[in-house]
Amino acid sequence: MSISATRRSFLGTAAGISALPQALQAQQTNRRQNLIFFMPDELRAESLACYGHPLVKTPNFDRLAAEGVRFDQCHVQNTVCAPSRCSMMTGWPVHVRGHRSLYYGLHPDEPNLLRYQKEDGYNVYFFGKNDLLSTDSFPLSVTEWDSKSGDRANYKNPWKPDDPLYYSFLYDKTPDRRKTSDYQNLQRAIEILSRPQDKPFCIYLPLIWPHPPFSAPEDFHDMYKPSDLPPLRPPGLARKPNFHEAIRTTRRLDRLSDKDFRRIQAVYLGMVSYSDWLLGELLEAVDKANHRNDTAIFSFADHGEWAGDFGLVEKWPSAMDDTLTRIPLIARVPGNKQGHVSKEIVELYDVMATSLELSGIPARHTHFARSLSPQLSGKPGDPQRAAFCEGGYNVYEPQCFEPLQDFSTPENIYYPKVKLQNEHPETITRSTMVRTLDTKLIVRPDGQSELYDLAKDPRELHNVHGERTYAATQASLEARMLNWYVRTADVAPRQLDPRGFPAQHTF
């Protein structure tokens, strides 16, 4: 393969409106594409009906998939909010700039999709949770922003501190569906849709649901019976990484029953259905404002959620189960192939490259995302592509850990998690994943590595790392991971410096 062919294969097509398929290009003749990013927090793909869940009701995600393109195997670059979002907006793997922590936002010296759009004439609106930009980056990247988040303080933990369920995140139901922060942030977006615009717009909606605590508005909280759920992935499996048992012990999850975990997941599914209702409100507003034919809508999440699987809740920075890395990605773009399902692997940061292309904005930084415009027109993706994910911290990087002083009392729901990270950093060491359609390797130099034959074991119940019959598969994935690191290890500056000295100066 030639050098140019290798670059195209690895990086994808350079962003630019001329690369768009004809059907999509035709939509941009008179006006540049508006963009909406609808982003629930902690939404895993397998918990949507259009991704195959047999019980959950998600008619609006299903509608978006029927009218747009659904990407069946989209994986994130990190399983924690902020690092995942930083990668999504830059097209950079985590290691390029070290965005591993909840406390590292994108700074003014770093590129991001929203800043590209604002600098190129878009009105950019940001309503919801941050976990993306440093405070001094907002004026450079966003036209108008707001965050309604006060309702989270109204969540009620019904369990006493000595009850094993206290740290399970299973809370009482919340009030009316129209009194949540997500609904308030959505209303800000709907107001923008009805506002006359002298420029194309981009609306970024990073919402909260279905992030725990597990609590939904009252008409969603008990929507699903725990006994009706498919079997959960069991706890206590052999050769799982050390944090599985550590989390279960410190959160007292090891004292809960399968019935408890099914109840947790049933409420989580109710929260998913609430997110679906919010999406329906957005889709109705887009149609009412006559933006159906000039606005691209992308729906995705920053990462997934255990929700009771493996006897666990929430997520962990060095965990890379499919329940955490595989997210929904659905795009409805004017002119797309309706109802198309792309079965090949893509990565969350491909949203950046695709959006730049739809906006007609060339990237001015080196990145590793690929445009998804071929799939939007009904073409297949790359069947040989793999997804990569990185997480965890080195034990000598305590600045990355969530600060214990912020969660210092046992009454705080996050106290066990943060205490475990700080007192036992061996449970949160660095890890890297490479996932193909049929196999997954997770390398932990300082912990238990994992290898799964997904064709035989799609629920990742049997770790075959180190087994002789899988030696060739393991070696092939290790080589692929090494090659990926070599290719993406850094991004060279675009500005060139003279090799000589400055003009003579007398000190």
Protein backbone atom coordinates (compact mmCIF):
# COMPACT_ATOMS: atom_id res chain seq x y z
CA MET A 1 0.00 0.00 0.00
CA SER A 2 1.33 3.46 -0.89
CA ILE A 3 1.95 6.12 1.75
CA SER A 4 -1.01 8.19 0.56
CA ALA A 5 -3.29 5.14 0.55
CA THR A 6 -2.14 4.22 4.05
CA ARG A 7 -2.90 7.72 5.30
CA ARG A 8 -6.40 7.62 3.80
CA SER A 9 -7.06 4.21 5.32
CA PHE A 10 -5.89 5.24 8.76
CA LEU A 11 -7.11 8.81 9.04
CA GLY A 12 -10.05 8.80 6.64
CA THR A 13 -10.90 11.46 4.08
CA ALA A 14 -9.82 15.02 4.85
CA ALA A 15 -12.71 17.20 5.91
CA GLY A 16 -14.15 19.39 3.18
CA ILE A 17 -17.50 19.95 1.60
CA SER A 18 -16.30 18.66 -1.78
CA ALA A 19 -15.95 15.17 -0.30
CA LEU A 20 -19.65 14.90 0.54
CA PRO A 21 -21.77 12.39 -1.37
CA GLN A 22 -23.89 14.05 -4.03
CA ALA A 23 -27.20 13.60 -2.18
CA LEU A 24 -25.86 15.35 0.89
CA GLN A 25 -23.98 17.98 -1.09
CA ALA A 26 -27.19 19.00 -2.82
CA GLN A 27 -28.72 19.98 0.51
CA GLN A 28 -26.00 22.59 1.04
CA THR A 29 -26.45 24.56 -2.17
CA ASN A 30 -28.27 27.51 -0.60
CA ARG A 31 -27.52 27.33 3.11
CA ARG A 32 -24.93 25.78 5.35
CA GLN A 33 -26.05 22.89 7.52
CA ASN A 34 -27.33 23.59 11.01
CA LEU A 35 -26.24 21.07 13.62
CA ILE A 36 -27.81 19.70 16.80
CA PHE A 37 -25.96 17.34 19.16
CA PHE A 38 -28.37 15.56 21.53
CA MET A 39 -26.13 13.89 24.12
CA PRO A 40 -27.53 11.92 27.06
CA ASP A 41 -24.96 11.07 29.72
CA GLU A 42 -24.10 7.43 30.43
CA LEU A 43 -26.41 5.92 27.78
CA ARG A 44 -25.30 2.51 26.55
CA ALA A 45 -26.29 1.26 23.11
CA GLU A 46 -27.72 -2.08 24.17
CA SER A 47 -30.40 -0.36 26.28
CA LEU A 48 -32.25 1.11 23.29
CA ALA A 49 -34.96 -0.70 21.37
CA CYS A 50 -33.43 0.11 18.00
CA TYR A 51 -30.22 -1.54 19.21
CA GLY A 52 -32.08 -4.71 20.11
CA HIS A 53 -33.30 -4.39 23.68
CA PRO A 54 -36.44 -6.56 23.94
CA LEU A 55 -38.22 -4.59 26.66
CA VAL A 56 -37.37 -0.89 26.67
CA LYS A 57 -39.59 1.62 24.85
CA THR A 58 -37.65 4.25 22.93
CA PRO A 59 -39.94 5.32 20.05
CA ASN A 60 -38.09 8.57 19.36
CA PHE A 61 -34.62 7.04 19.14
CA ASP A 62 -36.25 4.40 16.92
CA ARG A 63 -37.81 7.12 14.77
CA LEU A 64 -34.50 8.95 14.44
CA ALA A 65 -32.85 5.69 13.37
CA ALA A 66 -35.61 4.98 10.84
CA GLU A 67 -35.27 8.45 9.33
CA GLY A 68 -31.48 8.57 9.60
CA VAL A 69 -28.49 6.25 9.91
CA ARG A 70 -27.76 4.06 12.93
CA PHE A 71 -24.18 3.09 13.69
CA ASP A 72 -24.32 -0.30 15.37
CA GLN A 73 -20.76 -0.41 16.71
CA CYS A 74 -19.70 3.02 17.92
CA HIS A 75 -17.14 3.06 20.74
CA VAL A 76 -15.77 5.84 22.92
CA GLN A 77 -12.14 6.87 23.49
CA ASN A 78 -12.53 6.87 27.29
CA THR A 79 -15.21 5.65 29.71
CA VAL A 80 -15.31 8.82 31.85
CA CYS A 81 -17.21 12.00 30.94
CA ALA A 82 -14.55 14.68 30.47
CA PRO A 83 -11.84 12.64 28.69
CA SER A 84 -14.41 11.16 26.33
CA ARG A 85 -15.82 14.58 25.44
CA CYS A 86 -12.37 16.09 24.91
CA SER A 87 -11.52 13.32 22.45
CA MET A 88 -14.89 13.67 20.73
CA MET A 89 -14.40 17.39 20.06
CA THR A 90 -10.74 17.18 18.96
CA GLY A 91 -10.38 13.86 17.14
CA TRP A 92 -7.47 13.03 19.45
CA PRO A 93 -6.95 9.83 21.41
CA VAL A 94 -6.51 10.46 25.12
CA HIS A 95 -2.73 10.06 25.03
CA VAL A 96 -2.13 12.90 22.55
CA ARG A 97 -2.65 15.62 25.18
CA GLY A 98 -3.24 13.61 28.36
CA HIS A 99 -6.92 14.45 28.87
CA ARG A 100 -7.46 11.62 31.38
CA SER A 101 -9.17 13.37 34.25
CA LEU A 102 -12.53 14.94 35.04
CA TYR A 103 -10.55 18.09 35.82
CA TYR A 104 -8.83 18.65 32.46
CA GLY A 105 -10.95 20.70 30.05
CA LEU A 106 -9.95 21.85 26.58
CA HIS A 107 -7.86 25.04 26.76
CA PRO A 108 -7.57 27.98 24.35
CA ASP A 109 -4.39 26.55 22.81
CA GLU A 110 -6.26 23.38 21.80
CA PRO A 111 -8.67 22.98 18.88
CA ASN A 112 -12.26 21.86 19.26
CA LEU A 113 -15.24 21.41 16.98
CA LEU A 114 -17.36 24.14 18.57
CA ARG A 115 -14.56 26.68 18.22
CA TYR A 116 -14.11 25.82 14.53
CA GLN A 117 -17.80 26.44 13.98
CA LYS A 118 -17.91 29.72 15.88
CA GLU A 119 -14.82 31.06 14.11
CA ASP A 120 -16.33 30.09 10.77
CA GLY A 121 -19.54 32.04 11.31
CA TYR A 122 -21.83 29.73 13.29
CA ASN A 123 -23.86 30.73 16.30
CA VAL A 124 -22.91 28.05 18.84
CA TYR A 125 -25.22 27.28 21.76
CA PHE A 126 -24.25 25.11 24.74
CA PHE A 127 -26.97 24.09 27.23
CA GLY A 128 -26.33 21.43 29.87
CA LYS A 129 -23.43 19.81 31.65
CA ASN A 130 -19.89 20.97 30.86
CA ASP A 131 -17.08 18.41 31.37
CA LEU A 132 -15.56 19.70 28.13
CA LEU A 133 -14.18 23.25 28.07
CA SER A 134 -12.00 25.17 30.50
CA THR A 135 -13.73 28.36 31.60
CA ASP A 136 -11.47 30.56 29.46
CA SER A 137 -12.36 28.54 26.35
CA PHE A 138 -16.08 29.31 26.48
CA PRO A 139 -15.94 32.82 24.93
CA LEU A 140 -13.76 31.48 22.12
CA SER A 141 -15.97 28.49 21.34
CA VAL A 142 -19.56 29.32 22.31
CA THR A 143 -21.94 32.16 21.48
CA GLU A 144 -24.38 31.53 24.33
CA TRP A 145 -24.31 29.02 27.17
CA ASP A 146 -26.30 28.06 30.24
CA SER A 147 -26.64 25.12 32.62
CA LYS A 148 -29.67 24.17 34.67
CA SER A 149 -28.60 21.56 37.19
CA GLY A 150 -30.17 22.40 40.52
CA ASP A 151 -32.73 19.61 40.51
CA ARG A 152 -30.06 17.00 41.24
CA ALA A 153 -30.07 18.26 44.84
CA ASN A 154 -33.69 17.14 45.12
CA TYR A 155 -32.81 13.47 44.64
CA LYS A 156 -33.72 11.43 47.70
CA ASN A 157 -31.68 8.46 48.87
CA PRO A 158 -34.32 6.37 50.69
CA TRP A 159 -31.81 4.10 52.44
CA LYS A 160 -30.12 4.61 55.79
CA PRO A 161 -26.30 4.89 55.73
CA ASP A 162 -25.88 1.42 57.22
CA ASP A 163 -28.15 -0.22 54.62
CA PRO A 164 -26.29 -2.14 51.85
CA LEU A 165 -28.41 -0.26 49.28
CA TYR A 166 -27.22 3.16 50.48
CA TYR A 167 -24.32 3.28 47.99
CA SER A 168 -26.19 1.53 45.18
CA PHE A 169 -27.42 4.81 43.59
CA LEU A 170 -30.99 3.43 43.74
CA TYR A 171 -33.01 6.51 44.73
CA ASP A 172 -36.64 7.51 45.03
CA LYS A 173 -38.49 8.75 41.99
CA THR A 174 -38.21 12.41 41.04
CA PRO A 175 -41.05 14.91 40.41
CA ASP A 176 -42.75 15.87 37.19
CA ARG A 177 -40.94 15.29 33.90
CA ARG A 178 -41.07 19.02 33.14
CA LYS A 179 -39.24 20.05 36.32
CA THR A 180 -35.88 18.45 35.60
CA SER A 181 -32.69 20.25 34.60
CA ASP A 182 -32.66 18.29 31.33
CA TYR A 183 -36.10 19.61 30.43
CA GLN A 184 -35.07 23.18 31.29
CA ASN A 185 -31.91 22.92 29.17
CA LEU A 186 -33.96 21.44 26.35
CA GLN A 187 -36.33 24.40 26.53
CA ARG A 188 -33.39 26.75 25.99
CA ALA A 189 -32.57 24.83 22.82
CA ILE A 190 -36.19 24.92 21.66
CA GLU A 191 -36.22 28.69 22.19
CA ILE A 192 -33.16 28.95 19.93
CA LEU A 193 -34.96 26.96 17.23
CA SER A 194 -37.77 29.51 17.15
CA ARG A 195 -35.40 32.48 17.18
CA PRO A 196 -34.60 34.19 13.84
CA GLN A 197 -31.00 33.41 12.93
CA ASP A 198 -28.71 35.47 10.72
CA LYS A 199 -26.13 32.67 10.75
CA PRO A 200 -26.18 28.88 10.71
CA PHE A 201 -26.41 27.45 14.21
CA CYS A 202 -25.01 24.61 16.24
CA ILE A 203 -26.81 23.49 19.41
CA TYR A 204 -24.89 21.27 21.82
CA LEU A 205 -27.12 19.57 24.41
CA PRO A 206 -25.02 17.58 26.91
CA LEU A 207 -27.82 16.39 29.21
CA ILE A 208 -27.72 14.45 32.50
CA TRP A 209 -30.14 11.53 32.18
CA PRO A 210 -29.66 8.54 32.44
CA HIS A 211 -26.63 9.22 34.66
CA PRO A 212 -27.14 7.87 38.21
CA PRO A 213 -28.50 8.21 40.83
CA PHE A 214 -31.05 5.79 39.41
CA SER A 215 -34.16 7.92 39.66
CA ALA A 216 -36.67 8.92 37.02
CA PRO A 217 -39.74 11.17 36.93
CA GLU A 218 -42.66 9.38 38.49
CA ASP A 219 -44.28 8.19 35.25
CA PHE A 220 -40.98 6.62 34.11
CA HIS A 221 -39.48 5.36 37.37
CA ASP A 222 -41.61 2.18 37.56
CA MET A 223 -42.19 1.74 33.84
CA TYR A 224 -40.43 -1.64 33.74
CA LYS A 225 -40.79 -4.66 35.98
CA PRO A 226 -37.45 -6.04 37.20
CA SER A 227 -38.70 -9.58 36.67
CA ASP A 228 -39.29 -8.90 32.95
CA LEU A 229 -35.66 -7.96 32.25
CA PRO A 230 -33.33 -10.31 30.35
CA PRO A 231 -30.69 -11.98 32.58
CA LEU A 232 -27.97 -9.64 33.82
CA ARG A 233 -24.28 -10.38 33.47
CA PRO A 234 -23.39 -12.14 36.73
CA PRO A 235 -20.93 -10.87 39.35
CA GLY A 236 -17.88 -12.73 40.61
CA LEU A 237 -16.61 -13.96 37.25
CA ALA A 238 -13.12 -15.43 37.08
CA ARG A 239 -10.14 -13.37 35.92
CA LYS A 240 -11.85 -10.02 35.95
CA PRO A 241 -9.71 -6.99 36.92
CA ASN A 242 -9.22 -6.22 40.61
CA PHE A 243 -11.51 -3.20 40.61
CA HIS A 244 -14.58 -5.42 40.06
CA GLU A 245 -14.32 -6.93 43.53
CA ALA A 246 -12.94 -3.73 45.07
CA ILE A 247 -15.92 -1.68 43.90
CA ARG A 248 -18.36 -4.33 45.03
CA THR A 249 -16.79 -4.49 48.48
CA THR A 250 -16.37 -0.76 49.13
CA ARG A 251 -19.87 0.09 47.86
CA ARG A 252 -21.30 -2.95 49.72
CA LEU A 253 -22.70 -4.20 46.43
CA ASP A 254 -21.49 -7.68 47.33
CA ARG A 255 -24.33 -7.76 49.87
CA LEU A 256 -27.04 -7.14 47.25
CA SER A 257 -29.10 -9.77 45.44
CA ASP A 258 -29.85 -10.31 41.77
CA LYS A 259 -33.29 -8.88 42.51
CA ASP A 260 -31.66 -5.64 43.71
CA PHE A 261 -29.55 -5.32 40.57
CA ARG A 262 -32.54 -6.03 38.35
CA ARG A 263 -34.41 -3.25 40.13
CA ILE A 264 -31.48 -0.92 39.47
CA GLN A 265 -31.46 -1.74 35.79
CA ALA A 266 -35.24 -1.46 35.53
CA VAL A 267 -35.07 2.13 36.85
CA TYR A 268 -32.14 2.82 34.53
CA LEU A 269 -34.30 1.74 31.59
CA GLY A 270 -37.00 4.12 32.82
CA MET A 271 -34.42 6.89 32.76
CA VAL A 272 -33.53 5.87 29.20
CA SER A 273 -37.19 6.16 28.23
CA TYR A 274 -37.25 9.62 29.82
CA SER A 275 -34.27 10.63 27.65
CA ASP A 276 -36.22 9.28 24.70
CA TRP A 277 -39.19 11.49 25.61
CA LEU A 278 -36.88 14.52 25.70
CA LEU A 279 -35.60 13.60 22.24
CA GLY A 280 -39.20 13.47 21.03
CA GLU A 281 -39.79 17.00 22.33
CA LEU A 282 -36.71 18.16 20.43
CA LEU A 283 -37.72 16.46 17.18
CA GLU A 284 -41.19 18.01 17.40
CA ALA A 285 -39.66 21.45 17.94
CA VAL A 286 -37.33 21.03 14.95
CA ASP A 287 -40.31 20.24 12.72
CA LYS A 288 -42.42 23.05 14.17
CA ALA A 289 -39.64 25.57 13.50
CA ASN A 290 -39.31 24.35 9.89
CA HIS A 291 -35.73 23.18 10.40
CA ARG A 292 -36.30 19.59 9.31
CA ASN A 293 -34.63 20.09 5.94
CA ASP A 294 -31.68 22.27 6.92
CA THR A 295 -30.56 20.71 10.21
CA ALA A 296 -28.47 17.63 10.94
CA ILE A 297 -29.22 15.89 14.25
CA PHE A 298 -26.67 13.64 15.93
CA SER A 299 -27.57 11.66 19.03
CA PHE A 300 -24.86 9.89 21.02
CA ALA A 301 -23.51 9.49 24.57
CA ASP A 302 -20.16 10.08 26.23
CA HIS A 303 -19.98 6.48 27.56
CA GLY A 304 -22.17 3.72 28.93
CA GLU A 305 -23.18 2.36 32.33
CA TRP A 306 -22.96 -0.96 34.20
CA ALA A 307 -26.51 -0.55 35.60
CA GLY A 308 -26.29 -3.73 37.63
CA ASP A 309 -24.40 -5.88 35.14
CA PHE A 310 -21.48 -7.75 36.72
CA GLY A 311 -22.98 -6.71 40.08
CA LEU A 312 -21.69 -3.16 39.48
CA VAL A 313 -23.06 0.35 39.07
CA GLU A 314 -21.84 3.51 37.33
CA LYS A 315 -18.42 3.12 35.59
CA TRP A 316 -14.69 3.05 36.34
CA PRO A 317 -11.88 4.96 34.56
CA SER A 318 -9.91 1.82 33.59
CA ALA A 319 -12.94 -0.37 32.79
CA MET A 320 -13.68 -1.11 29.13
CA ASP A 321 -16.58 -3.53 28.98
CA ASP A 322 -18.92 -3.06 26.02
CA THR A 323 -21.54 -1.86 28.51
CA LEU A 324 -19.26 1.17 28.96
CA THR A 325 -17.53 1.66 25.60
CA ARG A 326 -20.37 0.89 23.15
CA ILE A 327 -22.75 3.80 22.78
CA PRO A 328 -25.58 4.69 20.42
CA LEU A 329 -24.72 6.94 17.49
CA ILE A 330 -27.64 7.94 15.29
CA ALA A 331 -27.47 10.69 12.68
CA ARG A 332 -30.30 12.25 10.71
CA VAL A 333 -28.83 14.47 8.02
CA PRO A 334 -30.90 15.99 5.20
CA GLY A 335 -30.35 13.78 2.16
CA ASN A 336 -29.13 10.74 4.10
CA LYS A 337 -30.08 7.15 3.30
CA GLN A 338 -33.07 6.59 5.55
CA GLY A 339 -33.06 3.55 7.80
CA HIS A 340 -29.51 2.54 6.93
CA VAL A 341 -27.63 0.55 9.58
CA SER A 342 -23.85 0.75 9.48
CA LYS A 343 -22.55 -2.44 11.10
CA GLU A 344 -18.85 -1.67 10.89
CA ILE A 345 -16.90 -0.14 13.76
CA VAL A 346 -16.76 3.63 14.13
CA GLU A 347 -15.55 5.83 16.99
CA LEU A 348 -17.26 8.67 18.83
CA TYR A 349 -14.77 11.29 17.68
CA ASP A 350 -15.86 10.64 14.09
CA VAL A 351 -18.70 13.04 14.93
CA MET A 352 -16.15 15.86 14.80
CA ALA A 353 -14.79 14.99 11.36
CA THR A 354 -18.30 14.44 9.98
CA SER A 355 -19.61 17.72 11.38
CA LEU A 356 -16.71 19.70 9.97
CA GLU A 357 -17.41 18.19 6.58
CA LEU A 358 -21.11 18.97 6.77
CA SER A 359 -20.23 22.54 7.78
CA GLY A 360 -17.74 22.93 4.95
CA ILE A 361 -14.94 23.73 7.40
CA PRO A 362 -11.48 22.25 6.79
CA ALA A 363 -9.67 21.02 9.87
CA ARG A 364 -6.58 23.07 10.68
CA HIS A 365 -5.10 20.52 13.08
CA THR A 366 -3.95 16.93 12.74
CA HIS A 367 -6.57 14.51 14.02
CA PHE A 368 -7.42 10.82 13.78
CA ALA A 369 -11.19 10.87 13.30
CA ARG A 370 -12.90 9.80 10.08
CA SER A 371 -15.82 11.35 8.29
CA LEU A 372 -18.94 9.18 8.29
CA SER A 373 -20.41 10.78 5.16
CA PRO A 374 -20.10 7.55 3.09
CA GLN A 375 -22.26 5.69 5.61
CA LEU A 376 -24.76 8.57 5.66
CA SER A 377 -25.35 7.94 1.96
CA GLY A 378 -25.84 4.21 2.53
CA LYS A 379 -22.34 2.96 1.77
CA PRO A 380 -20.57 0.45 4.03
CA GLY A 381 -17.89 1.49 6.49
CA ASP A 382 -14.45 -0.05 6.84
CA PRO A 383 -14.87 -3.75 7.77
CA GLN A 384 -11.25 -3.91 8.97
CA ARG A 385 -11.48 -0.96 11.31
CA ALA A 386 -10.84 -1.32 15.05
CA ALA A 387 -11.83 0.92 17.95
CA PHE A 388 -9.36 2.05 20.61
CA CYS A 389 -10.05 3.22 24.14
CA GLU A 390 -7.70 4.38 26.91
CA GLY A 391 -8.26 4.92 30.60
CA GLY A 392 -6.93 4.91 34.13
CA TYR A 393 -4.02 6.72 35.73
CA ASN A 394 -0.48 5.88 36.68
CA VAL A 395 -0.06 5.52 40.44
CA TYR A 396 2.29 8.52 40.44
CA GLU A 397 -0.41 10.80 38.93
CA PRO A 398 -2.60 11.60 41.97
CA GLN A 399 -3.54 14.91 40.37
CA CYS A 400 -5.77 12.87 38.03
CA PHE A 401 -7.72 11.23 40.85
CA GLU A 402 -11.01 12.66 42.01
CA PRO A 403 -10.06 14.74 45.09
CA LEU A 404 -10.99 13.04 48.32
CA GLN A 405 -11.58 16.36 50.09
CA ASP A 406 -14.57 17.00 47.80
CA PHE A 407 -16.23 13.74 48.90
CA SER A 408 -14.82 13.44 52.41
CA THR A 409 -17.84 12.24 54.38
CA PRO A 410 -19.24 8.70 54.29
CA GLU A 411 -22.71 10.16 53.73
CA ASN A 412 -21.66 11.31 50.24
CA ILE A 413 -22.78 8.83 47.60
CA TYR A 414 -19.39 9.06 45.84
CA TYR A 415 -17.34 8.62 48.99
CA PRO A 416 -16.54 4.89 48.48
CA LYS A 417 -15.50 5.45 44.87
CA VAL A 418 -13.15 8.36 45.53
CA LYS A 419 -11.74 6.77 48.68
CA LEU A 420 -10.92 3.60 46.73
CA GLN A 421 -9.12 5.53 43.98
CA ASN A 422 -7.00 7.51 46.42
CA GLU A 423 -6.19 4.76 48.91
CA HIS A 424 -5.80 1.91 46.41
CA PRO A 425 -4.49 3.40 43.16
CA GLU A 426 -3.56 -0.12 42.03
CA THR A 427 -7.26 -0.52 41.20
CA ILE A 428 -7.24 2.32 38.68
CA THR A 429 -4.05 1.82 36.68
CA ARG A 430 -3.71 2.64 33.00
CA SER A 431 -5.35 0.44 30.41
CA THR A 432 -5.82 0.38 26.64
CA MET A 433 -8.40 -1.44 24.53
CA VAL A 434 -8.42 -2.53 20.90
CA ARG A 435 -11.75 -3.90 19.69
CA THR A 436 -12.60 -5.43 16.34
CA LEU A 437 -15.99 -6.78 15.32
CA ASP A 438 -15.13 -10.22 16.72
CA THR A 439 -12.43 -9.73 19.36
CA LYS A 440 -11.41 -7.42 22.17
CA LEU A 441 -8.08 -7.02 23.96
CA ILE A 442 -7.60 -4.84 27.05
CA VAL A 443 -3.99 -4.44 28.16
CA ARG A 444 -3.22 -3.51 31.76
CA PRO A 445 0.56 -3.53 32.38
CA ASP A 446 -0.09 -3.19 36.13
CA GLY A 447 -3.22 -5.30 36.40
CA GLN A 448 -5.35 -8.06 34.91
CA SER A 449 -5.44 -7.90 31.11
CA GLU A 450 -8.48 -9.21 29.25
CA LEU A 451 -9.17 -10.92 25.92
CA TYR A 452 -12.62 -11.84 24.64
CA ASP A 453 -13.80 -13.88 21.70
CA LEU A 454 -16.87 -11.78 20.99
CA ALA A 455 -18.13 -14.12 18.29
CA LYS A 456 -18.55 -16.83 20.94
CA ASP A 457 -18.83 -14.65 24.05
CA PRO A 458 -20.55 -11.33 23.17
CA ARG A 459 -21.36 -10.60 26.84
CA GLU A 460 -17.66 -10.79 27.85
CA LEU A 461 -18.08 -13.47 30.49
CA HIS A 462 -14.96 -15.56 29.76
CA ASN A 463 -11.55 -13.89 29.82
CA VAL A 464 -9.24 -15.96 27.58
CA HIS A 465 -6.17 -13.74 27.92
CA GLY A 466 -3.03 -15.88 28.00
CA GLU A 467 -4.76 -19.05 26.86
CA ARG A 468 -2.69 -21.01 24.38
CA THR A 469 -5.51 -21.51 21.88
CA TYR A 470 -5.83 -17.72 21.59
CA ALA A 471 -2.12 -16.94 21.42
CA ALA A 472 -2.18 -15.95 17.74
CA THR A 473 -5.25 -13.73 18.20
CA GLN A 474 -3.70 -12.05 21.23
CA ALA A 475 -0.40 -11.43 19.44
CA SER A 476 -2.18 -9.96 16.42
CA LEU A 477 -4.19 -7.53 18.59
CA GLU A 478 -1.10 -6.56 20.59
CA ALA A 479 0.72 -5.73 17.35
CA ARG A 480 -2.25 -3.71 16.16
CA MET A 481 -2.32 -1.75 19.40
CA LEU A 482 1.42 -1.05 19.17
CA ASN A 483 1.08 0.15 15.57
CA TRP A 484 -1.79 2.43 16.60
CA TYR A 485 0.32 4.00 19.34
CA VAL A 486 3.23 4.55 16.95
CA ARG A 487 0.96 6.26 14.42
CA THR A 488 -0.90 8.45 16.92
CA ALA A 489 1.81 9.09 19.51
CA ASP A 490 1.83 12.85 18.90
CA VAL A 491 0.69 15.55 16.52
CA ALA A 492 3.42 17.61 14.91
CA PRO A 493 3.02 21.42 15.02
CA ARG A 494 1.80 23.03 11.82
CA GLN A 495 3.91 26.16 12.27
CA LEU A 496 7.51 25.88 11.05
CA ASP A 497 10.36 27.73 12.75
CA PRO A 498 13.49 29.11 11.07
CA ARG A 499 16.66 27.19 11.86
CA GLY A 500 18.84 30.27 12.26
CA PHE A 501 19.31 32.81 15.02
CA PRO A 502 17.29 35.95 15.67
CA ALA A 503 18.68 39.33 14.66
CA GLN A 504 21.76 40.38 16.65
CA HIS A 505 20.89 41.91 19.99
CA THR A 506 23.15 43.49 22.55
CA PHE A 507 22.26 42.74 26.16
